[in-house]
Amino acid sequence: MIELCSVQELYEGQSLGFDLPDQPVFAVRKDGEIFVYHNECPHLGVELEFQENDFLDMDGALIQCSTHGALFEIETGHCLSGPCQGDHLKPAQFTVKDDVLYLLT
């Protein structure tokens, strides 16, 4: 297991990126739930964020790829629009233990 952050650091409606060797990931909290994905667009294989920890659209409702604007559902990683429409972000396995978010390896 790799420790990512305290769950208190991941605020509702926001995202955090973690630049881990060989497997960058990011986490989003929506409606009290945490979702963790590999930081890789299924279209070009590039990292999604334009600025550090900035993975969401302006409304905070969808994950957005900064390279070509593809939009993904937070809950499923499903691409709703853009050149990778129909593809999915790759979910990362994680657990929360004692209020700490861990990536499972």
Protein backbone atom coordinates (compact mmCIF):
# COMPACT_ATOMS: atom_id res chain seq x y z
CA MET A 1 0.00 0.00 0.00
CA ILE A 2 1.11 3.53 -0.78
CA GLU A 3 -0.15 6.35 1.43
CA LEU A 4 -1.70 9.13 -0.65
CA CYS A 5 -3.23 11.60 1.82
CA SER A 6 -5.53 12.10 4.75
CA VAL A 7 -9.17 11.99 3.64
CA GLN A 8 -9.59 15.42 5.28
CA GLU A 9 -7.21 16.85 2.64
CA LEU A 10 -9.56 15.78 -0.16
CA TYR A 11 -12.41 18.26 -0.02
CA GLU A 12 -15.89 17.68 -1.42
CA GLY A 13 -16.03 18.63 -5.11
CA GLN A 14 -12.27 18.83 -5.47
CA SER A 15 -9.42 16.67 -6.77
CA LEU A 16 -5.85 15.88 -5.79
CA GLY A 17 -3.11 14.43 -7.98
CA PHE A 18 -0.34 12.12 -6.81
CA ASP A 19 2.77 11.89 -8.98
CA LEU A 20 3.90 8.40 -8.08
CA PRO A 21 6.70 6.71 -10.02
CA ASP A 22 5.26 4.60 -12.86
CA GLN A 23 1.64 5.20 -11.82
CA PRO A 24 0.43 8.77 -11.37
CA VAL A 25 -3.11 8.79 -9.97
CA PHE A 26 -5.67 11.33 -8.85
CA ALA A 27 -8.55 11.28 -6.41
CA VAL A 28 -11.89 13.11 -6.48
CA ARG A 29 -14.47 13.43 -3.74
CA LYS A 30 -18.09 13.72 -4.88
CA ASP A 31 -21.20 13.35 -2.72
CA GLY A 32 -19.02 12.08 0.14
CA GLU A 33 -17.51 9.27 -1.96
CA ILE A 34 -13.91 9.02 -3.10
CA PHE A 35 -12.96 7.96 -6.62
CA VAL A 36 -9.36 7.25 -7.69
CA TYR A 37 -8.16 6.93 -11.30
CA HIS A 38 -4.87 6.55 -13.12
CA ASN A 39 -3.83 9.94 -14.45
CA GLU A 40 -3.87 8.99 -18.12
CA CYS A 41 -6.26 10.02 -20.86
CA PRO A 42 -7.44 6.98 -22.84
CA HIS A 43 -7.13 8.97 -26.09
CA LEU A 44 -3.50 10.14 -26.09
CA GLY A 45 -2.07 8.63 -22.91
CA VAL A 46 -1.24 12.10 -21.57
CA GLU A 47 -1.81 13.25 -18.00
CA LEU A 48 -5.19 14.95 -17.59
CA GLU A 49 -4.55 18.08 -15.52
CA PHE A 50 -3.49 21.48 -16.83
CA GLN A 51 -2.41 22.74 -13.42
CA GLU A 52 -1.53 20.81 -10.28
CA ASN A 53 -4.61 19.13 -8.74
CA ASP A 54 -6.91 20.61 -11.44
CA PHE A 55 -8.77 17.61 -12.87
CA LEU A 56 -12.35 18.91 -12.91
CA ASP A 57 -14.32 21.11 -15.28
CA MET A 58 -15.30 24.64 -14.26
CA ASP A 59 -18.47 23.40 -12.54
CA GLY A 60 -16.67 20.61 -10.68
CA ALA A 61 -19.18 18.17 -12.13
CA LEU A 62 -16.95 16.20 -14.52
CA ILE A 63 -13.32 15.19 -14.95
CA GLN A 64 -11.80 17.08 -17.88
CA CYS A 65 -8.74 16.34 -19.99
CA SER A 66 -6.80 19.57 -20.41
CA THR A 67 -5.27 18.43 -23.72
CA HIS A 68 -8.44 18.07 -25.79
CA GLY A 69 -11.33 18.81 -23.42
CA ALA A 70 -12.73 15.29 -23.12
CA LEU A 71 -15.23 15.00 -20.26
CA PHE A 72 -15.56 11.99 -17.97
CA GLU A 73 -18.12 11.02 -15.33
CA ILE A 74 -16.58 11.19 -11.87
CA GLU A 75 -18.42 8.11 -10.60
CA THR A 76 -17.58 5.78 -13.51
CA GLY A 77 -14.71 7.33 -15.48
CA HIS A 78 -16.87 6.96 -18.62
CA CYS A 79 -16.00 9.48 -21.38
CA LEU A 80 -19.11 11.48 -22.27
CA SER A 81 -17.62 13.73 -24.95
CA GLY A 82 -14.40 14.27 -26.85
CA PRO A 83 -12.22 12.11 -29.10
CA CYS A 84 -12.23 9.21 -26.62
CA GLN A 85 -16.05 9.13 -26.25
CA GLY A 86 -17.14 5.71 -25.03
CA ASP A 87 -13.76 4.91 -23.45
CA HIS A 88 -13.11 4.95 -19.70
CA LEU A 89 -10.50 6.22 -17.34
CA LYS A 90 -8.69 3.35 -15.64
CA PRO A 91 -9.77 3.09 -11.98
CA ALA A 92 -7.06 2.63 -9.37
CA GLN A 93 -7.56 0.23 -6.47
CA PHE A 94 -7.56 2.00 -3.13
CA THR A 95 -8.65 1.72 0.45
CA VAL A 96 -9.30 4.08 3.34
CA LYS A 97 -7.93 3.05 6.71
CA ASP A 98 -7.93 5.25 9.83
CA ASP A 99 -8.96 8.26 7.69
CA VAL A 100 -5.98 7.82 5.35
CA LEU A 101 -6.33 7.14 1.62
CA TYR A 102 -4.02 4.38 0.36
CA LEU A 103 -3.32 3.17 -3.16
CA LEU A 104 -3.28 -0.62 -3.34
CA THR A 105 -0.36 -2.06 -5.29
